[in-house]
Amino acid sequence: MRFFSKLVFICNGCFIVSVVMHFVEAGHNGIAKTDTAVPLQFAEGTIAVLGLISLLVNAIFCIVFAGLATAKKTKQIPLWIVIFNFTALLGEVYWYFIDK
């Protein structure tokens, strides 16, 4: 569960970066030489894919963690990672379902 929580943390970080890239690409008016936020296409693609799957992976993590927490079988997961993942899930639900 510790590895999974860290994986979800990385996916949530990529979600935040992909949202920032979305605003950067929408905000510039063709001033830059390229029309992408990150000049490396493989890096931008990796961040975008991890940002897209973060909702699914984060939802699975939150459900599993809630089940383990009610059974009082949680392992040594740092509390700040759990809080960040739960708040990121709220942001992802807002971004994908409410804001669009």
C-alpha atoms as a PDB file:
ATOM      1  CA  MET A   1       0.000   0.000   0.000  1.00  0.00           C
ATOM      2  CA  ARG A   2       2.945   2.344   0.582  1.00  0.00           C
ATOM      3  CA  PHE A   3       4.128   1.929  -3.015  1.00  0.00           C
ATOM      4  CA  PHE A   4       0.599   2.447  -4.331  1.00  0.00           C
ATOM      5  CA  SER A   5       0.179   5.643  -2.316  1.00  0.00           C
ATOM      6  CA  LYS A   6       3.431   7.005  -3.752  1.00  0.00           C
ATOM      7  CA  LEU A   7       2.370   6.047  -7.282  1.00  0.00           C
ATOM      8  CA  VAL A   8      -0.926   7.868  -6.789  1.00  0.00           C
ATOM      9  CA  PHE A   9       1.007  10.873  -5.457  1.00  0.00           C
ATOM     10  CA  ILE A  10       3.101  10.960  -8.653  1.00  0.00           C
ATOM     11  CA  CYS A  11      -0.019  10.648 -10.827  1.00  0.00           C
ATOM     12  CA  ASN A  12      -1.659  13.505  -8.930  1.00  0.00           C
ATOM     13  CA  GLY A  13       1.442  15.622  -9.433  1.00  0.00           C
ATOM     14  CA  CYS A  14       1.238  14.913 -13.163  1.00  0.00           C
ATOM     15  CA  PHE A  15      -2.437  15.915 -13.086  1.00  0.00           C
ATOM     16  CA  ILE A  16      -1.511  19.270 -11.553  1.00  0.00           C
ATOM     17  CA  VAL A  17       1.245  19.776 -14.130  1.00  0.00           C
ATOM     18  CA  SER A  18      -1.131  18.875 -16.985  1.00  0.00           C
ATOM     19  CA  VAL A  19      -3.685  21.407 -15.737  1.00  0.00           C
ATOM     20  CA  VAL A  20      -0.959  24.066 -15.624  1.00  0.00           C
ATOM     21  CA  MET A  21       0.125  23.057 -19.157  1.00  0.00           C
ATOM     22  CA  HIS A  22      -3.478  23.410 -20.300  1.00  0.00           C
ATOM     23  CA  PHE A  23      -3.615  26.994 -19.028  1.00  0.00           C
ATOM     24  CA  VAL A  24      -0.196  27.817 -20.509  1.00  0.00           C
ATOM     25  CA  GLU A  25      -1.186  26.502 -23.936  1.00  0.00           C
ATOM     26  CA  ALA A  26      -4.545  28.259 -23.806  1.00  0.00           C
ATOM     27  CA  GLY A  27      -2.989  31.511 -22.622  1.00  0.00           C
ATOM     28  CA  HIS A  28      -0.185  32.168 -25.071  1.00  0.00           C
ATOM     29  CA  ASN A  29      -1.080  33.776 -28.394  1.00  0.00           C
ATOM     30  CA  GLY A  30       1.453  32.151 -30.687  1.00  0.00           C
ATOM     31  CA  ILE A  31       4.370  34.181 -29.333  1.00  0.00           C
ATOM     32  CA  ALA A  32       6.466  31.083 -28.633  1.00  0.00           C
ATOM     33  CA  LYS A  33       8.247  29.163 -31.382  1.00  0.00           C
ATOM     34  CA  THR A  34       6.237  26.005 -30.726  1.00  0.00           C
ATOM     35  CA  ASP A  35       2.593  25.522 -29.868  1.00  0.00           C
ATOM     36  CA  THR A  36       3.217  23.228 -26.905  1.00  0.00           C
ATOM     37  CA  ALA A  37       3.888  23.973 -23.255  1.00  0.00           C
ATOM     38  CA  VAL A  38       6.812  21.538 -23.042  1.00  0.00           C
ATOM     39  CA  PRO A  39       9.157  21.340 -26.059  1.00  0.00           C
ATOM     40  CA  LEU A  40       9.790  17.623 -25.431  1.00  0.00           C
ATOM     41  CA  GLN A  41       6.814  15.751 -26.838  1.00  0.00           C
ATOM     42  CA  PHE A  42       7.500  12.504 -24.975  1.00  0.00           C
ATOM     43  CA  ALA A  43       7.590  14.351 -21.638  1.00  0.00           C
ATOM     44  CA  GLU A  44       4.380  16.199 -22.401  1.00  0.00           C
ATOM     45  CA  GLY A  45       2.698  12.969 -23.497  1.00  0.00           C
ATOM     46  CA  THR A  46       3.806  11.105 -20.388  1.00  0.00           C
ATOM     47  CA  ILE A  47       2.587  13.870 -18.109  1.00  0.00           C
ATOM     48  CA  ALA A  48      -0.725  14.058 -19.967  1.00  0.00           C
ATOM     49  CA  VAL A  49      -1.347  10.301 -19.783  1.00  0.00           C
ATOM     50  CA  LEU A  50      -0.457  10.083 -16.094  1.00  0.00           C
ATOM     51  CA  GLY A  51      -2.661  13.107 -15.474  1.00  0.00           C
ATOM     52  CA  LEU A  52      -5.583  11.447 -17.230  1.00  0.00           C
ATOM     53  CA  ILE A  53      -5.340   8.131 -15.384  1.00  0.00           C
ATOM     54  CA  SER A  54      -4.850   9.885 -12.054  1.00  0.00           C
ATOM     55  CA  LEU A  55      -8.611  10.086 -11.488  1.00  0.00           C
ATOM     56  CA  LEU A  56      -9.053   6.332 -11.781  1.00  0.00           C
ATOM     57  CA  VAL A  57      -5.956   5.411  -9.784  1.00  0.00           C
ATOM     58  CA  ASN A  58      -6.729   7.988  -7.103  1.00  0.00           C
ATOM     59  CA  ALA A  59     -10.334   6.816  -6.756  1.00  0.00           C
ATOM     60  CA  ILE A  60      -9.143   3.224  -6.297  1.00  0.00           C
ATOM     61  CA  PHE A  61      -6.613   4.351  -3.690  1.00  0.00           C
ATOM     62  CA  CYS A  62      -9.183   6.361  -1.731  1.00  0.00           C
ATOM     63  CA  ILE A  63     -11.694   3.484  -1.724  1.00  0.00           C
ATOM     64  CA  VAL A  64      -9.079   0.942  -0.626  1.00  0.00           C
ATOM     65  CA  PHE A  65      -7.674   3.267   2.022  1.00  0.00           C
ATOM     66  CA  ALA A  66     -11.146   4.055   3.379  1.00  0.00           C
ATOM     67  CA  GLY A  67     -11.859   0.325   3.614  1.00  0.00           C
ATOM     68  CA  LEU A  68      -8.588  -0.345   5.392  1.00  0.00           C
ATOM     69  CA  ALA A  69      -9.089   2.623   7.705  1.00  0.00           C
ATOM     70  CA  THR A  70     -12.507   1.382   8.797  1.00  0.00           C
ATOM     71  CA  ALA A  71     -11.039  -2.052   9.476  1.00  0.00           C
ATOM     72  CA  LYS A  72      -8.124  -0.369  11.317  1.00  0.00           C
ATOM     73  CA  LYS A  73      -5.615  -2.207   9.140  1.00  0.00           C
ATOM     74  CA  THR A  74      -3.809   0.761   7.654  1.00  0.00           C
ATOM     75  CA  LYS A  75      -0.113   0.390   7.185  1.00  0.00           C
ATOM     76  CA  GLN A  76       2.508   3.043   7.810  1.00  0.00           C
ATOM     77  CA  ILE A  77       1.355   5.513   5.145  1.00  0.00           C
ATOM     78  CA  PRO A  78       2.325   9.141   5.839  1.00  0.00           C
ATOM     79  CA  LEU A  79      -0.745  11.205   6.664  1.00  0.00           C
ATOM     80  CA  TRP A  80       0.250  14.071   4.377  1.00  0.00           C
ATOM     81  CA  ILE A  81       0.204  11.763   1.334  1.00  0.00           C
ATOM     82  CA  VAL A  82      -3.284  10.543   2.236  1.00  0.00           C
ATOM     83  CA  ILE A  83      -4.574  14.092   2.740  1.00  0.00           C
ATOM     84  CA  PHE A  84      -2.989  15.258  -0.523  1.00  0.00           C
ATOM     85  CA  ASN A  85      -4.491  12.330  -2.445  1.00  0.00           C
ATOM     86  CA  PHE A  86      -7.981  12.932  -1.017  1.00  0.00           C
ATOM     87  CA  THR A  87      -7.884  16.648  -1.830  1.00  0.00           C
ATOM     88  CA  ALA A  88      -6.462  15.912  -5.285  1.00  0.00           C
ATOM     89  CA  LEU A  89      -9.377  13.540  -5.895  1.00  0.00           C
ATOM     90  CA  LEU A  90     -11.791  16.371  -5.147  1.00  0.00           C
ATOM     91  CA  GLY A  91      -9.911  18.617  -7.575  1.00  0.00           C
ATOM     92  CA  GLU A  92      -9.894  15.932 -10.266  1.00  0.00           C
ATOM     93  CA  VAL A  93     -13.620  15.303  -9.923  1.00  0.00           C
ATOM     94  CA  TYR A  94     -14.230  19.048 -10.220  1.00  0.00           C
ATOM     95  CA  TRP A  95     -11.908  19.399 -13.228  1.00  0.00           C
ATOM     96  CA  TYR A  96     -13.207  16.419 -15.212  1.00  0.00           C
ATOM     97  CA  PHE A  97     -16.915  16.405 -14.354  1.00  0.00           C
ATOM     98  CA  ILE A  98     -18.065  19.769 -13.026  1.00  0.00           C
ATOM     99  CA  ASP A  99     -15.885  22.348 -14.803  1.00  0.00           C
ATOM    100  CA  LYS A 100     -15.994  20.826 -18.285  1.00  0.00           C
END
